[in-house]
Amino acid sequence: MSKRSYSVDKKLEILRACETGNQTISQIASIYMVNVKTISEWKYVFSEYGIEGLKESTTWKNILRN
């Protein structure tokens, strides 16, 4: 399975679709072919770090701490 890369604009589009409440996250994930967990991670990162958090990182970092 290959890892897909989404632009910041596409991530924001997906997050906006979540905010409208017209569809469930599962439906949005299916439409955009993104894992539900990935959308949840984007929502968290965006709420904590804004647009900067949605940009691709050149280094690995664990943003979701248990």
PDB file of N, CA and C in Angstrom:
ATOM      1  N   MET A   1       0.842  -1.174   0.000  1.00  0.00           N
ATOM      2  CA  MET A   1       0.000   0.000   0.000  1.00  0.00           C
ATOM      3  C   MET A   1       0.889   1.239   0.000  1.00  0.00           C
ATOM      4  N   SER A   2       0.601   2.159  -0.904  1.00  0.00           N
ATOM      5  CA  SER A   2       1.409   3.367  -0.984  1.00  0.00           C
ATOM      6  C   SER A   2       0.778   4.483  -0.167  1.00  0.00           C
ATOM      7  N   LYS A   3       1.629   5.369   0.309  1.00  0.00           N
ATOM      8  CA  LYS A   3       1.164   6.509   1.102  1.00  0.00           C
ATOM      9  C   LYS A   3       0.836   7.645   0.146  1.00  0.00           C
ATOM     10  N   ARG A   4      -0.367   8.166   0.264  1.00  0.00           N
ATOM     11  CA  ARG A   4      -0.787   9.293  -0.547  1.00  0.00           C
ATOM     12  C   ARG A   4      -0.415  10.591   0.133  1.00  0.00           C
ATOM     13  N   SER A   5      -0.093  11.573  -0.659  1.00  0.00           N
ATOM     14  CA  SER A   5       0.229  12.879  -0.106  1.00  0.00           C
ATOM     15  C   SER A   5      -0.866  13.861  -0.520  1.00  0.00           C
ATOM     16  N   TYR A   6      -1.393  14.580   0.446  1.00  0.00           N
ATOM     17  CA  TYR A   6      -2.439  15.555   0.183  1.00  0.00           C
ATOM     18  C   TYR A   6      -1.904  16.957   0.430  1.00  0.00           C
ATOM     19  N   SER A   7      -2.285  17.880  -0.439  1.00  0.00           N
ATOM     20  CA  SER A   7      -1.869  19.271  -0.264  1.00  0.00           C
ATOM     21  C   SER A   7      -2.607  19.868   0.926  1.00  0.00           C
ATOM     22  N   VAL A   8      -2.089  20.966   1.431  1.00  0.00           N
ATOM     23  CA  VAL A   8      -2.743  21.680   2.528  1.00  0.00           C
ATOM     24  C   VAL A   8      -4.147  22.099   2.093  1.00  0.00           C
ATOM     25  N   ASP A   9      -4.279  22.558   0.860  1.00  0.00           N
ATOM     26  CA  ASP A   9      -5.597  22.974   0.361  1.00  0.00           C
ATOM     27  C   ASP A   9      -6.597  21.817   0.363  1.00  0.00           C
ATOM     28  N   LYS A  10      -6.151  20.645  -0.045  1.00  0.00           N
ATOM     29  CA  LYS A  10      -7.034  19.478  -0.071  1.00  0.00           C
ATOM     30  C   LYS A  10      -7.407  19.067   1.350  1.00  0.00           C
ATOM     31  N   LYS A  11      -6.452  19.111   2.268  1.00  0.00           N
ATOM     32  CA  LYS A  11      -6.745  18.783   3.669  1.00  0.00           C
ATOM     33  C   LYS A  11      -7.779  19.746   4.234  1.00  0.00           C
ATOM     34  N   LEU A  12      -7.620  21.046   3.937  1.00  0.00           N
ATOM     35  CA  LEU A  12      -8.577  22.044   4.404  1.00  0.00           C
ATOM     36  C   LEU A  12      -9.960  21.804   3.798  1.00  0.00           C
ATOM     37  N   GLU A  13     -10.003  21.428   2.541  1.00  0.00           N
ATOM     38  CA  GLU A  13     -11.275  21.109   1.880  1.00  0.00           C
ATOM     39  C   GLU A  13     -11.982  19.960   2.603  1.00  0.00           C
ATOM     40  N   ILE A  14     -11.219  18.945   2.951  1.00  0.00           N
ATOM     41  CA  ILE A  14     -11.772  17.785   3.652  1.00  0.00           C
ATOM     42  C   ILE A  14     -12.237  18.185   5.051  1.00  0.00           C
ATOM     43  N   LEU A  15     -11.450  18.984   5.747  1.00  0.00           N
ATOM     44  CA  LEU A  15     -11.833  19.434   7.092  1.00  0.00           C
ATOM     45  C   LEU A  15     -13.079  20.317   7.048  1.00  0.00           C
ATOM     46  N   ARG A  16     -13.195  21.147   6.021  1.00  0.00           N
ATOM     47  CA  ARG A  16     -14.395  21.983   5.873  1.00  0.00           C
ATOM     48  C   ARG A  16     -15.623  21.115   5.630  1.00  0.00           C
ATOM     49  N   ALA A  17     -15.451  20.052   4.858  1.00  0.00           N
ATOM     50  CA  ALA A  17     -16.567  19.126   4.610  1.00  0.00           C
ATOM     51  C   ALA A  17     -17.022  18.494   5.923  1.00  0.00           C
ATOM     52  N   CYS A  18     -16.095  18.229   6.811  1.00  0.00           N
ATOM     53  CA  CYS A  18     -16.439  17.669   8.126  1.00  0.00           C
ATOM     54  C   CYS A  18     -17.222  18.670   8.954  1.00  0.00           C
ATOM     55  N   GLU A  19     -16.861  19.939   8.853  1.00  0.00           N
ATOM     56  CA  GLU A  19     -17.490  20.984   9.657  1.00  0.00           C
ATOM     57  C   GLU A  19     -18.938  21.246   9.265  1.00  0.00           C
ATOM     58  N   THR A  20     -19.282  21.015   8.013  1.00  0.00           N
ATOM     59  CA  THR A  20     -20.640  21.322   7.564  1.00  0.00           C
ATOM     60  C   THR A  20     -21.668  20.427   8.241  1.00  0.00           C
ATOM     61  N   GLY A  21     -21.260  19.217   8.596  1.00  0.00           N
ATOM     62  CA  GLY A  21     -22.182  18.296   9.247  1.00  0.00           C
ATOM     63  C   GLY A  21     -23.169  17.637   8.304  1.00  0.00           C
ATOM     64  N   ASN A  22     -23.011  17.863   7.007  1.00  0.00           N
ATOM     65  CA  ASN A  22     -23.916  17.253   6.031  1.00  0.00           C
ATOM     66  C   ASN A  22     -23.646  15.771   5.841  1.00  0.00           C
ATOM     67  N   GLN A  23     -22.420  15.349   6.155  1.00  0.00           N
ATOM     68  CA  GLN A  23     -22.022  13.959   5.984  1.00  0.00           C
ATOM     69  C   GLN A  23     -21.197  13.536   7.192  1.00  0.00           C
ATOM     70  N   THR A  24     -21.177  12.234   7.442  1.00  0.00           N
ATOM     71  CA  THR A  24     -20.355  11.710   8.527  1.00  0.00           C
ATOM     72  C   THR A  24     -18.895  11.693   8.090  1.00  0.00           C
ATOM     73  N   ILE A  25     -18.015  11.578   9.059  1.00  0.00           N
ATOM     74  CA  ILE A  25     -16.587  11.473   8.735  1.00  0.00           C
ATOM     75  C   ILE A  25     -16.342  10.237   7.876  1.00  0.00           C
ATOM     76  N   SER A  26     -17.053   9.156   8.155  1.00  0.00           N
ATOM     77  CA  SER A  26     -16.898   7.933   7.351  1.00  0.00           C
ATOM     78  C   SER A  26     -17.282   8.178   5.901  1.00  0.00           C
ATOM     79  N   GLN A  27     -18.353   8.916   5.678  1.00  0.00           N
ATOM     80  CA  GLN A  27     -18.775   9.222   4.309  1.00  0.00           C
ATOM     81  C   GLN A  27     -17.742  10.101   3.615  1.00  0.00           C
ATOM     82  N   ILE A  28     -17.247  11.093   4.320  1.00  0.00           N
ATOM     83  CA  ILE A  28     -16.233  11.990   3.752  1.00  0.00           C
ATOM     84  C   ILE A  28     -14.964  11.213   3.433  1.00  0.00           C
ATOM     85  N   ALA A  29     -14.578  10.324   4.341  1.00  0.00           N
ATOM     86  CA  ALA A  29     -13.388   9.502   4.116  1.00  0.00           C
ATOM     87  C   ALA A  29     -13.546   8.667   2.848  1.00  0.00           C
ATOM     88  N   SER A  30     -14.720   8.139   2.643  1.00  0.00           N
ATOM     89  CA  SER A  30     -14.986   7.334   1.450  1.00  0.00           C
ATOM     90  C   SER A  30     -14.938   8.188   0.182  1.00  0.00           C
ATOM     91  N   ILE A  31     -15.538   9.361   0.237  1.00  0.00           N
ATOM     92  CA  ILE A  31     -15.562  10.258  -0.926  1.00  0.00           C
ATOM     93  C   ILE A  31     -14.150  10.662  -1.340  1.00  0.00           C
ATOM     94  N   TYR A  32     -13.329  11.042  -0.356  1.00  0.00           N
ATOM     95  CA  TYR A  32     -11.982  11.531  -0.649  1.00  0.00           C
ATOM     96  C   TYR A  32     -10.915  10.439  -0.623  1.00  0.00           C
ATOM     97  N   MET A  33     -11.345   9.217  -0.328  1.00  0.00           N
ATOM     98  CA  MET A  33     -10.434   8.067  -0.251  1.00  0.00           C
ATOM     99  C   MET A  33      -9.307   8.314   0.757  1.00  0.00           C
ATOM    100  N   VAL A  34      -9.716   8.722   1.959  1.00  0.00           N
ATOM    101  CA  VAL A  34      -8.802   8.983   3.060  1.00  0.00           C
ATOM    102  C   VAL A  34      -9.272   8.158   4.243  1.00  0.00           C
ATOM    103  N   ASN A  35      -8.345   7.639   5.012  1.00  0.00           N
ATOM    104  CA  ASN A  35      -8.682   6.877   6.196  1.00  0.00           C
ATOM    105  C   ASN A  35      -9.329   7.788   7.239  1.00  0.00           C
ATOM    106  N   VAL A  36     -10.335   7.275   7.933  1.00  0.00           N
ATOM    107  CA  VAL A  36     -11.016   8.045   8.973  1.00  0.00           C
ATOM    108  C   VAL A  36     -10.021   8.519  10.033  1.00  0.00           C
ATOM    109  N   LYS A  37      -9.089   7.660  10.400  1.00  0.00           N
ATOM    110  CA  LYS A  37      -8.091   8.024  11.405  1.00  0.00           C
ATOM    111  C   LYS A  37      -7.221   9.187  10.906  1.00  0.00           C
ATOM    112  N   THR A  38      -6.914   9.200   9.645  1.00  0.00           N
ATOM    113  CA  THR A  38      -6.119  10.285   9.068  1.00  0.00           C
ATOM    114  C   THR A  38      -6.859  11.613   9.190  1.00  0.00           C
ATOM    115  N   ILE A  39      -8.154  11.611   8.881  1.00  0.00           N
ATOM    116  CA  ILE A  39      -8.946  12.833   9.010  1.00  0.00           C
ATOM    117  C   ILE A  39      -8.967  13.290  10.462  1.00  0.00           C
ATOM    118  N   SER A  40      -9.127  12.354  11.378  1.00  0.00           N
ATOM    119  CA  SER A  40      -9.126  12.701  12.804  1.00  0.00           C
ATOM    120  C   SER A  40      -7.800  13.321  13.218  1.00  0.00           C
ATOM    121  N   GLU A  41      -6.701  12.784  12.696  1.00  0.00           N
ATOM    122  CA  GLU A  41      -5.380  13.336  12.995  1.00  0.00           C
ATOM    123  C   GLU A  41      -5.249  14.745  12.431  1.00  0.00           C
ATOM    124  N   TRP A  42      -5.738  14.959  11.209  1.00  0.00           N
ATOM    125  CA  TRP A  42      -5.692  16.296  10.614  1.00  0.00           C
ATOM    126  C   TRP A  42      -6.503  17.281  11.442  1.00  0.00           C
ATOM    127  N   LYS A  43      -7.675  16.848  11.917  1.00  0.00           N
ATOM    128  CA  LYS A  43      -8.516  17.718  12.747  1.00  0.00           C
ATOM    129  C   LYS A  43      -7.768  18.133  14.016  1.00  0.00           C
ATOM    130  N   TYR A  44      -7.114  17.168  14.642  1.00  0.00           N
ATOM    131  CA  TYR A  44      -6.357  17.457  15.865  1.00  0.00           C
ATOM    132  C   TYR A  44      -5.207  18.422  15.581  1.00  0.00           C
ATOM    133  N   VAL A  45      -4.421  18.113  14.575  1.00  0.00           N
ATOM    134  CA  VAL A  45      -3.254  18.932  14.236  1.00  0.00           C
ATOM    135  C   VAL A  45      -3.692  20.347  13.872  1.00  0.00           C
ATOM    136  N   PHE A  46      -4.770  20.471  13.110  1.00  0.00           N
ATOM    137  CA  PHE A  46      -5.258  21.786  12.723  1.00  0.00           C
ATOM    138  C   PHE A  46      -5.737  22.576  13.938  1.00  0.00           C
ATOM    139  N   SER A  47      -6.412  21.906  14.866  1.00  0.00           N
ATOM    140  CA  SER A  47      -6.902  22.612  16.056  1.00  0.00           C
ATOM    141  C   SER A  47      -5.749  23.060  16.959  1.00  0.00           C
ATOM    142  N   GLU A  48      -4.666  22.306  16.983  1.00  0.00           N
ATOM    143  CA  GLU A  48      -3.519  22.631  17.826  1.00  0.00           C
ATOM    144  C   GLU A  48      -2.536  23.598  17.167  1.00  0.00           C
ATOM    145  N   TYR A  49      -2.293  23.430  15.863  1.00  0.00           N
ATOM    146  CA  TYR A  49      -1.206  24.150  15.193  1.00  0.00           C
ATOM    147  C   TYR A  49      -1.636  24.981  13.987  1.00  0.00           C
ATOM    148  N   GLY A  50      -2.914  24.927  13.638  1.00  0.00           N
ATOM    149  CA  GLY A  50      -3.397  25.676  12.485  1.00  0.00           C
ATOM    150  C   GLY A  50      -2.881  25.113  11.173  1.00  0.00           C
ATOM    151  N   ILE A  51      -2.832  25.961  10.167  1.00  0.00           N
ATOM    152  CA  ILE A  51      -2.413  25.539   8.829  1.00  0.00           C
ATOM    153  C   ILE A  51      -0.993  24.992   8.832  1.00  0.00           C
ATOM    154  N   GLU A  52      -0.122  25.559   9.649  1.00  0.00           N
ATOM    155  CA  GLU A  52       1.266  25.073   9.717  1.00  0.00           C
ATOM    156  C   GLU A  52       1.311  23.581  10.069  1.00  0.00           C
ATOM    157  N   GLY A  53       0.401  23.148  10.903  1.00  0.00           N
ATOM    158  CA  GLY A  53       0.357  21.748  11.305  1.00  0.00           C
ATOM    159  C   GLY A  53      -0.031  20.808  10.180  1.00  0.00           C
ATOM    160  N   LEU A  54      -0.711  21.334   9.167  1.00  0.00           N
ATOM    161  CA  LEU A  54      -1.145  20.500   8.041  1.00  0.00           C
ATOM    162  C   LEU A  54      -0.080  20.362   6.962  1.00  0.00           C
ATOM    163  N   LYS A  55       0.962  21.174   7.053  1.00  0.00           N
ATOM    164  CA  LYS A  55       2.033  21.089   6.057  1.00  0.00           C
ATOM    165  C   LYS A  55       2.829  19.812   6.264  1.00  0.00           C
ATOM    166  N   GLU A  56       3.343  19.276   5.154  1.00  0.00           N
ATOM    167  CA  GLU A  56       4.136  18.052   5.213  1.00  0.00           C
ATOM    168  C   GLU A  56       5.415  18.297   5.992  1.00  0.00           C
ATOM    169  N   SER A  57       5.714  17.383   6.877  1.00  0.00           N
ATOM    170  CA  SER A  57       6.926  17.478   7.664  1.00  0.00           C
ATOM    171  C   SER A  57       8.050  16.716   6.975  1.00  0.00           C
ATOM    172  N   THR A  58       9.246  17.255   7.055  1.00  0.00           N
ATOM    173  CA  THR A  58      10.390  16.552   6.464  1.00  0.00           C
ATOM    174  C   THR A  58      11.034  15.613   7.478  1.00  0.00           C
ATOM    175  N   THR A  59      10.591  15.718   8.728  1.00  0.00           N
ATOM    176  CA  THR A  59      11.095  14.817   9.761  1.00  0.00           C
ATOM    177  C   THR A  59       9.915  14.146  10.446  1.00  0.00           C
ATOM    178  N   TRP A  60      10.136  12.959  10.965  1.00  0.00           N
ATOM    179  CA  TRP A  60       9.085  12.236  11.646  1.00  0.00           C
ATOM    180  C   TRP A  60       8.930  12.787  13.050  1.00  0.00           C
ATOM    181  N   LYS A  61       7.683  12.966  13.455  1.00  0.00           N
ATOM    182  CA  LYS A  61       7.432  13.360  14.830  1.00  0.00           C
ATOM    183  C   LYS A  61       6.116  12.756  15.266  1.00  0.00           C
ATOM    184  N   ASN A  62       6.067  12.346  16.506  1.00  0.00           N
ATOM    185  CA  ASN A  62       4.861  11.758  17.058  1.00  0.00           C
ATOM    186  C   ASN A  62       3.990  12.880  17.618  1.00  0.00           C
ATOM    187  N   ILE A  63       2.976  13.269  16.843  1.00  0.00           N
ATOM    188  CA  ILE A  63       2.137  14.374  17.265  1.00  0.00           C
ATOM    189  C   ILE A  63       1.018  13.927  18.189  1.00  0.00           C
ATOM    190  N   LEU A  64       0.687  12.661  18.143  1.00  0.00           N
ATOM    191  CA  LEU A  64      -0.384  12.144  18.982  1.00  0.00           C
ATOM    192  C   LEU A  64       0.229  11.325  20.111  1.00  0.00           C
ATOM    193  N   ARG A  65       0.325  11.941  21.239  1.00  0.00           N
ATOM    194  CA  ARG A  65       0.917  11.250  22.398  1.00  0.00           C
ATOM    195  C   ARG A  65      -0.178  10.585  23.184  1.00  0.00           C
ATOM    196  N   ASN A  66       0.120   9.409  23.698  1.00  0.00           N
ATOM    197  CA  ASN A  66      -0.879   8.686  24.517  1.00  0.00           C
ATOM    198  C   ASN A  66      -0.834   9.125  25.938  1.00  0.00           C
TER     199      ASN A  66
END
